[in-house]
All heavy atoms as atom14 arrays in JSON, in Angstrom:
{
  "sequence": "PDLLWIGMTAPKQEKWIYSNWQKLNIHCHVGTVGAVFDFYA",
  "atom14_mask": [
    [1, 1, 1, 1, 1, 1, 1, 0, 0, 0, 0, 0, 0, 0],
    [1, 1, 1, 1, 1, 1, 1, 1, 0, 0, 0, 0, 0, 0],
    [1, 1, 1, 1, 1, 1, 1, 1, 0, 0, 0, 0, 0, 0],
    [1, 1, 1, 1, 1, 1, 1, 1, 0, 0, 0, 0, 0, 0],
    [1, 1, 1, 1, 1, 1, 1, 1, 1, 1, 1, 1, 1, 1],
    [1, 1, 1, 1, 1, 1, 1, 1, 0, 0, 0, 0, 0, 0],
    [1, 1, 1, 1, 0, 0, 0, 0, 0, 0, 0, 0, 0, 0],
    [1, 1, 1, 1, 1, 1, 1, 1, 0, 0, 0, 0, 0, 0],
    [1, 1, 1, 1, 1, 1, 1, 0, 0, 0, 0, 0, 0, 0],
    [1, 1, 1, 1, 1, 0, 0, 0, 0, 0, 0, 0, 0, 0],
    [1, 1, 1, 1, 1, 1, 1, 0, 0, 0, 0, 0, 0, 0],
    [1, 1, 1, 1, 1, 1, 1, 1, 1, 0, 0, 0, 0, 0],
    [1, 1, 1, 1, 1, 1, 1, 1, 1, 0, 0, 0, 0, 0],
    [1, 1, 1, 1, 1, 1, 1, 1, 1, 0, 0, 0, 0, 0],
    [1, 1, 1, 1, 1, 1, 1, 1, 1, 0, 0, 0, 0, 0],
    [1, 1, 1, 1, 1, 1, 1, 1, 1, 1, 1, 1, 1, 1],
    [1, 1, 1, 1, 1, 1, 1, 1, 0, 0, 0, 0, 0, 0],
    [1, 1, 1, 1, 1, 1, 1, 1, 1, 1, 1, 1, 0, 0],
    [1, 1, 1, 1, 1, 1, 0, 0, 0, 0, 0, 0, 0, 0],
    [1, 1, 1, 1, 1, 1, 1, 1, 0, 0, 0, 0, 0, 0],
    [1, 1, 1, 1, 1, 1, 1, 1, 1, 1, 1, 1, 1, 1],
    [1, 1, 1, 1, 1, 1, 1, 1, 1, 0, 0, 0, 0, 0],
    [1, 1, 1, 1, 1, 1, 1, 1, 1, 0, 0, 0, 0, 0],
    [1, 1, 1, 1, 1, 1, 1, 1, 0, 0, 0, 0, 0, 0],
    [1, 1, 1, 1, 1, 1, 1, 1, 0, 0, 0, 0, 0, 0],
    [1, 1, 1, 1, 1, 1, 1, 1, 0, 0, 0, 0, 0, 0],
    [1, 1, 1, 1, 1, 1, 1, 1, 1, 1, 0, 0, 0, 0],
    [1, 1, 1, 1, 1, 1, 0, 0, 0, 0, 0, 0, 0, 0],
    [1, 1, 1, 1, 1, 1, 1, 1, 1, 1, 0, 0, 0, 0],
    [1, 1, 1, 1, 1, 1, 1, 0, 0, 0, 0, 0, 0, 0],
    [1, 1, 1, 1, 0, 0, 0, 0, 0, 0, 0, 0, 0, 0],
    [1, 1, 1, 1, 1, 1, 1, 0, 0, 0, 0, 0, 0, 0],
    [1, 1, 1, 1, 1, 1, 1, 0, 0, 0, 0, 0, 0, 0],
    [1, 1, 1, 1, 0, 0, 0, 0, 0, 0, 0, 0, 0, 0],
    [1, 1, 1, 1, 1, 0, 0, 0, 0, 0, 0, 0, 0, 0],
    [1, 1, 1, 1, 1, 1, 1, 0, 0, 0, 0, 0, 0, 0],
    [1, 1, 1, 1, 1, 1, 1, 1, 1, 1, 1, 0, 0, 0],
    [1, 1, 1, 1, 1, 1, 1, 1, 0, 0, 0, 0, 0, 0],
    [1, 1, 1, 1, 1, 1, 1, 1, 1, 1, 1, 0, 0, 0],
    [1, 1, 1, 1, 1, 1, 1, 1, 1, 1, 1, 1, 0, 0],
    [1, 1, 1, 1, 1, 0, 0, 0, 0, 0, 0, 0, 0, 0]
  ],
  "atom14_positions": [
    [[0.82, -1.18, -0.05], [-0.01, 0.01, -0.05], [0.81, 1.27, -0.02], [2.03, 1.29, 0.27], [-0.78, -0.19, 1.28], [0.13, -0.94, 2.21], [0.84, -1.94, 1.27], [0.0, 0.0, 0.0], [0.0, 0.0, 0.0], [0.0, 0.0, 0.0], [0.0, 0.0, 0.0], [0.0, 0.0, 0.0], [0.0, 0.0, 0.0], [0.0, 0.0, 0.0]],
    [[0.17, 2.42, -0.28], [0.83, 3.69, -0.21], [0.57, 4.37, 1.13], [1.16, 5.4, 1.42], [0.3, 4.57, -1.38], [0.6, 3.96, -2.72], [1.75, 3.93, -3.08], [-0.37, 3.53, -3.4], [0.0, 0.0, 0.0], [0.0, 0.0, 0.0], [0.0, 0.0, 0.0], [0.0, 0.0, 0.0], [0.0, 0.0, 0.0], [0.0, 0.0, 0.0]],
    [[-0.21, 3.81, 1.98], [-0.5, 4.21, 3.26], [-1.07, 3.07, 4.09], [-1.98, 2.37, 3.6], [-1.49, 5.44, 3.33], [-1.92, 6.02, 4.63], [-0.66, 6.59, 5.35], [-2.91, 7.12, 4.41], [0.0, 0.0, 0.0], [0.0, 0.0, 0.0], [0.0, 0.0, 0.0], [0.0, 0.0, 0.0], [0.0, 0.0, 0.0], [0.0, 0.0, 0.0]],
    [[-0.56, 2.85, 5.3], [-1.05, 1.67, 6.04], [-1.43, 2.14, 7.45], [-0.7, 2.81, 8.18], [0.07, 0.66, 6.21], [-0.15, -0.53, 7.12], [-1.33, -1.37, 6.65], [1.05, -1.45, 7.18], [0.0, 0.0, 0.0], [0.0, 0.0, 0.0], [0.0, 0.0, 0.0], [0.0, 0.0, 0.0], [0.0, 0.0, 0.0], [0.0, 0.0, 0.0]],
    [[-2.64, 1.73, 7.85], [-3.2, 2.05, 9.2], [-3.26, 0.76, 10.04], [-3.79, -0.24, 9.52], [-4.54, 2.73, 9.14], [-4.56, 4.03, 8.44], [-5.16, 4.34, 7.22], [-3.93, 5.27, 8.96], [-4.93, 5.63, 6.9], [-4.22, 6.24, 7.95], [-3.26, 5.61, 10.04], [-3.82, 7.58, 8.04], [-2.78, 6.92, 10.17], [-3.01, 7.9, 9.18]],
    [[-2.8, 0.81, 11.29], [-2.93, -0.33, 12.19], [-3.77, 0.11, 13.3], [-3.52, 1.06, 14.04], [-1.51, -0.72, 12.79], [-0.48, -0.91, 11.66], [-1.64, -1.94, 13.71], [-0.77, -2.08, 10.71], [0.0, 0.0, 0.0], [0.0, 0.0, 0.0], [0.0, 0.0, 0.0], [0.0, 0.0, 0.0], [0.0, 0.0, 0.0], [0.0, 0.0, 0.0]],
    [[-4.86, -0.59, 13.47], [-5.86, -0.28, 14.52], [-6.29, -1.51, 15.32], [-7.21, -2.19, 14.99], [0.0, 0.0, 0.0], [0.0, 0.0, 0.0], [0.0, 0.0, 0.0], [0.0, 0.0, 0.0], [0.0, 0.0, 0.0], [0.0, 0.0, 0.0], [0.0, 0.0, 0.0], [0.0, 0.0, 0.0], [0.0, 0.0, 0.0], [0.0, 0.0, 0.0]],
    [[-5.58, -1.72, 16.42], [-5.92, -2.89, 17.25], [-5.95, -2.53, 18.72], [-5.92, -3.37, 19.6], [-4.83, -3.98, 17.09], [-4.74, -4.47, 15.65], [-3.58, -5.93, 15.5], [-2.02, -5.13, 15.71], [0.0, 0.0, 0.0], [0.0, 0.0, 0.0], [0.0, 0.0, 0.0], [0.0, 0.0, 0.0], [0.0, 0.0, 0.0], [0.0, 0.0, 0.0]],
    [[-6.09, -1.3, 19.07], [-5.96, -0.71, 20.39], [-4.59, -0.79, 20.93], [-3.85, -1.79, 20.69], [-6.96, -1.33, 21.42], [-6.52, -2.66, 21.72], [-8.35, -1.43, 20.76], [0.0, 0.0, 0.0], [0.0, 0.0, 0.0], [0.0, 0.0, 0.0], [0.0, 0.0, 0.0], [0.0, 0.0, 0.0], [0.0, 0.0, 0.0], [0.0, 0.0, 0.0]],
    [[-4.15, 0.22, 21.72], [-2.86, 0.17, 22.36], [-2.91, -0.74, 23.62], [-3.96, -0.86, 24.23], [-2.51, 1.6, 22.81], [0.0, 0.0, 0.0], [0.0, 0.0, 0.0], [0.0, 0.0, 0.0], [0.0, 0.0, 0.0], [0.0, 0.0, 0.0], [0.0, 0.0, 0.0], [0.0, 0.0, 0.0], [0.0, 0.0, 0.0], [0.0, 0.0, 0.0]],
    [[-1.89, -1.42, 23.94], [-0.5, -1.46, 23.23], [-0.42, -2.46, 22.2], [0.74, -2.61, 21.65], [0.4, -1.65, 24.43], [-0.37, -2.63, 25.29], [-1.76, -2.2, 25.21], [0.0, 0.0, 0.0], [0.0, 0.0, 0.0], [0.0, 0.0, 0.0], [0.0, 0.0, 0.0], [0.0, 0.0, 0.0], [0.0, 0.0, 0.0], [0.0, 0.0, 0.0]],
    [[-1.41, -3.23, 21.89], [-1.35, -4.29, 21.0], [-0.85, -3.92, 19.55], [0.05, -4.48, 18.92], [-2.67, -5.07, 20.87], [-2.57, -6.29, 19.97], [-3.81, -7.2, 20.2], [-5.11, -6.46, 19.86], [-6.33, -7.29, 19.94], [0.0, 0.0, 0.0], [0.0, 0.0, 0.0], [0.0, 0.0, 0.0], [0.0, 0.0, 0.0], [0.0, 0.0, 0.0]],
    [[-1.43, -2.74, 19.09], [-1.05, -2.33, 17.76], [0.4, -1.88, 17.66], [1.11, -2.21, 16.67], [-1.97, -1.23, 17.37], [-1.94, 0.02, 18.25], [-3.09, 0.95, 18.05], [-4.14, 0.57, 17.39], [-3.01, 2.09, 18.62], [0.0, 0.0, 0.0], [0.0, 0.0, 0.0], [0.0, 0.0, 0.0], [0.0, 0.0, 0.0], [0.0, 0.0, 0.0]],
    [[0.86, -1.18, 18.58], [2.3, -0.69, 18.58], [3.29, -1.84, 18.7], [4.28, -1.92, 18.01], [2.49, 0.34, 19.72], [1.86, 1.67, 19.51], [0.46, 1.68, 19.97], [-0.03, 0.63, 20.53], [-0.25, 2.76, 19.94], [0.0, 0.0, 0.0], [0.0, 0.0, 0.0], [0.0, 0.0, 0.0], [0.0, 0.0, 0.0], [0.0, 0.0, 0.0]],
    [[2.92, -2.77, 19.52], [3.84, -3.95, 19.77], [3.83, -4.82, 18.61], [4.87, -5.38, 18.17], [3.38, -4.71, 21.05], [3.59, -4.03, 22.31], [2.82, -4.53, 23.48], [3.18, -5.88, 23.91], [2.48, -6.28, 25.2], [0.0, 0.0, 0.0], [0.0, 0.0, 0.0], [0.0, 0.0, 0.0], [0.0, 0.0, 0.0], [0.0, 0.0, 0.0]],
    [[2.67, -5.03, 17.91], [2.64, -5.83, 16.69], [3.45, -5.21, 15.54], [4.34, -5.93, 14.99], [1.22, -6.02, 16.22], [1.09, -7.01, 15.07], [1.0, -8.38, 15.16], [1.25, -6.73, 13.69], [0.99, -8.92, 13.98], [1.19, -7.94, 12.94], [1.48, -5.53, 12.96], [1.27, -8.03, 11.58], [1.55, -5.62, 11.59], [1.5, -6.87, 10.92]],
    [[3.29, -3.93, 15.3], [3.99, -3.39, 14.13], [5.51, -3.23, 14.47], [6.35, -3.45, 13.58], [3.4, -1.97, 13.77], [4.0, -1.46, 12.49], [3.7, -0.97, 14.89], [3.52, -2.28, 11.26], [0.0, 0.0, 0.0], [0.0, 0.0, 0.0], [0.0, 0.0, 0.0], [0.0, 0.0, 0.0], [0.0, 0.0, 0.0], [0.0, 0.0, 0.0]],
    [[5.87, -3.01, 15.7], [7.25, -2.95, 16.08], [7.91, -4.32, 15.95], [9.06, -4.4, 15.34], [7.35, -2.44, 17.52], [8.79, -2.49, 18.03], [9.83, -1.67, 17.53], [9.13, -3.36, 19.14], [11.05, -1.68, 18.1], [10.44, -3.41, 19.59], [11.44, -2.51, 19.1], [12.64, -2.59, 19.62], [0.0, 0.0, 0.0], [0.0, 0.0, 0.0]],
    [[7.22, -5.39, 16.31], [7.81, -6.71, 16.27], [7.87, -7.22, 14.86], [8.73, -8.11, 14.54], [6.93, -7.67, 17.09], [6.9, -7.35, 18.46], [0.0, 0.0, 0.0], [0.0, 0.0, 0.0], [0.0, 0.0, 0.0], [0.0, 0.0, 0.0], [0.0, 0.0, 0.0], [0.0, 0.0, 0.0], [0.0, 0.0, 0.0], [0.0, 0.0, 0.0]],
    [[7.03, -6.67, 13.95], [7.04, -7.26, 12.56], [7.6, -6.19, 11.58], [7.51, -6.45, 10.37], [5.55, -7.53, 12.21], [5.1, -8.76, 12.94], [5.43, -9.91, 12.6], [4.26, -8.55, 13.93], [0.0, 0.0, 0.0], [0.0, 0.0, 0.0], [0.0, 0.0, 0.0], [0.0, 0.0, 0.0], [0.0, 0.0, 0.0], [0.0, 0.0, 0.0]],
    [[8.16, -5.13, 12.07], [8.6, -4.03, 11.2], [9.6, -4.48, 10.12], [9.48, -4.11, 8.94], [9.22, -2.91, 12.0], [9.53, -1.63, 11.31], [10.75, -1.08, 11.07], [8.57, -0.75, 10.7], [10.56, 0.13, 10.4], [9.33, 0.33, 10.14], [7.19, -0.77, 10.57], [8.7, 1.37, 9.43], [6.56, 0.37, 9.9], [7.32, 1.35, 9.39]],
    [[10.59, -5.25, 10.52], [11.61, -5.69, 9.59], [11.02, -6.69, 8.55], [11.73, -6.86, 7.51], [12.73, -6.35, 10.39], [13.46, -5.4, 11.31], [13.95, -4.12, 10.68], [14.47, -4.16, 9.5], [13.87, -2.97, 11.35], [0.0, 0.0, 0.0], [0.0, 0.0, 0.0], [0.0, 0.0, 0.0], [0.0, 0.0, 0.0], [0.0, 0.0, 0.0]],
    [[9.92, -7.3, 8.84], [9.33, -8.24, 7.84], [8.54, -7.55, 6.84], [8.11, -8.22, 5.84], [8.52, -9.26, 8.65], [9.2, -10.03, 9.7], [8.24, -10.89, 10.53], [8.94, -11.55, 11.79], [8.0, -12.18, 12.64], [0.0, 0.0, 0.0], [0.0, 0.0, 0.0], [0.0, 0.0, 0.0], [0.0, 0.0, 0.0], [0.0, 0.0, 0.0]],
    [[8.13, -6.39, 7.05], [7.31, -5.58, 6.15], [8.1, -4.94, 5.04], [8.89, -4.0, 5.31], [6.54, -4.56, 6.83], [5.47, -5.17, 7.83], [4.88, -4.02, 8.62], [4.43, -5.99, 7.16], [0.0, 0.0, 0.0], [0.0, 0.0, 0.0], [0.0, 0.0, 0.0], [0.0, 0.0, 0.0], [0.0, 0.0, 0.0], [0.0, 0.0, 0.0]],
    [[7.92, -5.38, 3.77], [8.61, -4.81, 2.6], [7.7, -3.82, 1.95], [7.16, -4.05, 0.93], [8.96, -6.04, 1.68], [9.89, -6.97, 2.27], [10.87, -6.59, 2.93], [9.64, -8.29, 2.03], [0.0, 0.0, 0.0], [0.0, 0.0, 0.0], [0.0, 0.0, 0.0], [0.0, 0.0, 0.0], [0.0, 0.0, 0.0], [0.0, 0.0, 0.0]],
    [[7.53, -2.69, 2.67], [6.66, -1.68, 2.15], [7.5, -0.28, 2.04], [8.55, -0.17, 2.52], [5.46, -1.51, 3.11], [5.89, -1.32, 4.54], [4.48, -2.67, 2.99], [4.76, -1.01, 5.51], [0.0, 0.0, 0.0], [0.0, 0.0, 0.0], [0.0, 0.0, 0.0], [0.0, 0.0, 0.0], [0.0, 0.0, 0.0], [0.0, 0.0, 0.0]],
    [[6.76, 0.69, 1.49], [7.48, 1.94, 1.19], [6.69, 3.12, 1.76], [6.93, 4.27, 1.25], [7.64, 2.06, -0.29], [6.29, 2.16, -1.08], [5.53, 1.05, -1.3], [5.59, 3.22, -1.52], [4.41, 1.47, -1.96], [4.44, 2.75, -2.07], [0.0, 0.0, 0.0], [0.0, 0.0, 0.0], [0.0, 0.0, 0.0], [0.0, 0.0, 0.0]],
    [[5.78, 2.93, 2.65], [4.81, 3.91, 2.96], [4.84, 4.34, 4.49], [5.45, 3.67, 5.25], [3.39, 3.44, 2.63], [2.84, 2.07, 3.49], [0.0, 0.0, 0.0], [0.0, 0.0, 0.0], [0.0, 0.0, 0.0], [0.0, 0.0, 0.0], [0.0, 0.0, 0.0], [0.0, 0.0, 0.0], [0.0, 0.0, 0.0], [0.0, 0.0, 0.0]],
    [[4.12, 5.45, 4.77], [3.85, 5.73, 6.18], [2.93, 4.76, 6.84], [1.94, 4.31, 6.23], [3.25, 7.12, 6.32], [4.24, 8.23, 6.01], [3.94, 9.57, 6.2], [5.52, 8.17, 5.58], [4.93, 10.29, 5.85], [5.93, 9.55, 5.5], [0.0, 0.0, 0.0], [0.0, 0.0, 0.0], [0.0, 0.0, 0.0], [0.0, 0.0, 0.0]],
    [[3.21, 4.45, 8.16], [2.34, 3.52, 8.84], [1.94, 4.22, 10.13], [2.77, 4.73, 10.91], [3.12, 2.22, 9.25], [2.15, 1.3, 10.0], [3.59, 1.49, 7.91], [0.0, 0.0, 0.0], [0.0, 0.0, 0.0], [0.0, 0.0, 0.0], [0.0, 0.0, 0.0], [0.0, 0.0, 0.0], [0.0, 0.0, 0.0], [0.0, 0.0, 0.0]],
    [[0.64, 4.29, 10.43], [0.17, 4.96, 11.63], [-0.64, 3.98, 12.49], [-1.36, 3.19, 12.03], [0.0, 0.0, 0.0], [0.0, 0.0, 0.0], [0.0, 0.0, 0.0], [0.0, 0.0, 0.0], [0.0, 0.0, 0.0], [0.0, 0.0, 0.0], [0.0, 0.0, 0.0], [0.0, 0.0, 0.0], [0.0, 0.0, 0.0], [0.0, 0.0, 0.0]],
    [[-0.3, 4.07, 13.79], [-1.12, 3.27, 14.79], [-2.11, 4.16, 15.46], [-1.81, 5.13, 16.11], [-0.18, 2.75, 15.86], [0.55, 3.76, 16.5], [0.85, 1.74, 15.33], [0.0, 0.0, 0.0], [0.0, 0.0, 0.0], [0.0, 0.0, 0.0], [0.0, 0.0, 0.0], [0.0, 0.0, 0.0], [0.0, 0.0, 0.0], [0.0, 0.0, 0.0]],
    [[-3.41, 3.88, 15.08], [-4.38, 4.93, 15.44], [-5.61, 4.53, 16.26], [-6.52, 5.19, 16.49], [-4.93, 5.53, 14.08], [-3.9, 6.39, 13.45], [-5.38, 4.42, 13.15], [0.0, 0.0, 0.0], [0.0, 0.0, 0.0], [0.0, 0.0, 0.0], [0.0, 0.0, 0.0], [0.0, 0.0, 0.0], [0.0, 0.0, 0.0], [0.0, 0.0, 0.0]],
    [[-5.64, 3.17, 16.67], [-6.69, 2.71, 17.61], [-8.04, 3.04, 17.24], [-8.63, 2.59, 16.3], [0.0, 0.0, 0.0], [0.0, 0.0, 0.0], [0.0, 0.0, 0.0], [0.0, 0.0, 0.0], [0.0, 0.0, 0.0], [0.0, 0.0, 0.0], [0.0, 0.0, 0.0], [0.0, 0.0, 0.0], [0.0, 0.0, 0.0], [0.0, 0.0, 0.0]],
    [[-8.67, 3.88, 18.15], [-10.1, 4.23, 17.96], [-10.48, 4.91, 16.72], [-11.64, 5.03, 16.44], [-10.41, 5.08, 19.2], [0.0, 0.0, 0.0], [0.0, 0.0, 0.0], [0.0, 0.0, 0.0], [0.0, 0.0, 0.0], [0.0, 0.0, 0.0], [0.0, 0.0, 0.0], [0.0, 0.0, 0.0], [0.0, 0.0, 0.0], [0.0, 0.0, 0.0]],
    [[-9.47, 5.35, 15.95], [-9.85, 6.04, 14.72], [-10.64, 5.15, 13.79], [-11.52, 5.63, 13.04], [-8.52, 6.57, 14.03], [-8.76, 6.95, 12.61], [-7.95, 7.69, 14.76], [0.0, 0.0, 0.0], [0.0, 0.0, 0.0], [0.0, 0.0, 0.0], [0.0, 0.0, 0.0], [0.0, 0.0, 0.0], [0.0, 0.0, 0.0], [0.0, 0.0, 0.0]],
    [[-10.29, 3.86, 13.83], [-11.14, 2.94, 12.98], [-12.6, 3.03, 13.32], [-13.48, 3.02, 12.39], [-10.59, 1.46, 13.26], [-9.41, 1.07, 12.38], [-8.43, 2.05, 12.14], [-9.21, -0.17, 12.01], [-7.31, 1.71, 11.4], [-8.08, -0.62, 11.32], [-7.1, 0.42, 10.98], [0.0, 0.0, 0.0], [0.0, 0.0, 0.0], [0.0, 0.0, 0.0]],
    [[-12.93, 3.1, 14.58], [-14.33, 3.19, 14.98], [-14.9, 4.52, 14.58], [-16.11, 4.56, 14.17], [-14.45, 3.04, 16.46], [-14.05, 1.64, 16.96], [-14.37, 0.71, 16.25], [-13.4, 1.48, 18.06], [0.0, 0.0, 0.0], [0.0, 0.0, 0.0], [0.0, 0.0, 0.0], [0.0, 0.0, 0.0], [0.0, 0.0, 0.0], [0.0, 0.0, 0.0]],
    [[-14.16, 5.6, 14.68], [-14.66, 6.91, 14.26], [-14.9, 6.9, 12.76], [-15.93, 7.43, 12.32], [-13.62, 8.03, 14.61], [-13.33, 8.23, 16.05], [-12.07, 8.63, 16.48], [-14.35, 7.93, 16.99], [-11.81, 8.84, 17.84], [-14.05, 8.11, 18.35], [-12.74, 8.58, 18.76], [0.0, 0.0, 0.0], [0.0, 0.0, 0.0], [0.0, 0.0, 0.0]],
    [[-14.01, 6.35, 11.97], [-14.08, 6.37, 10.55], [-15.3, 5.47, 10.11], [-16.01, 5.82, 9.21], [-12.79, 5.86, 9.93], [-12.77, 5.83, 8.5], [-12.78, 7.07, 7.74], [-12.57, 4.65, 7.69], [-12.74, 7.07, 6.32], [-12.54, 4.69, 6.25], [-12.6, 5.94, 5.64], [-12.57, 5.95, 4.23], [0.0, 0.0, 0.0], [0.0, 0.0, 0.0]],
    [[-15.54, 4.37, 10.75], [-16.61, 3.42, 10.41], [-17.95, 3.96, 10.9], [-19.05, 3.43, 10.48], [-16.3, 2.0, 10.98], [0.0, 0.0, 0.0], [0.0, 0.0, 0.0], [0.0, 0.0, 0.0], [0.0, 0.0, 0.0], [0.0, 0.0, 0.0], [0.0, 0.0, 0.0], [0.0, 0.0, 0.0], [0.0, 0.0, 0.0], [0.0, 0.0, 0.0]]
  ]
}
């Protein structure tokens, strides 16, 4: 993707993306945004 959002509530989302960061072959900004998914939906 050209933009990636991770929304799993803190601290799960931050820990997940940090633990898997080196495995992700992407070129974009990644934001951990939690409740934003619920606001957007």
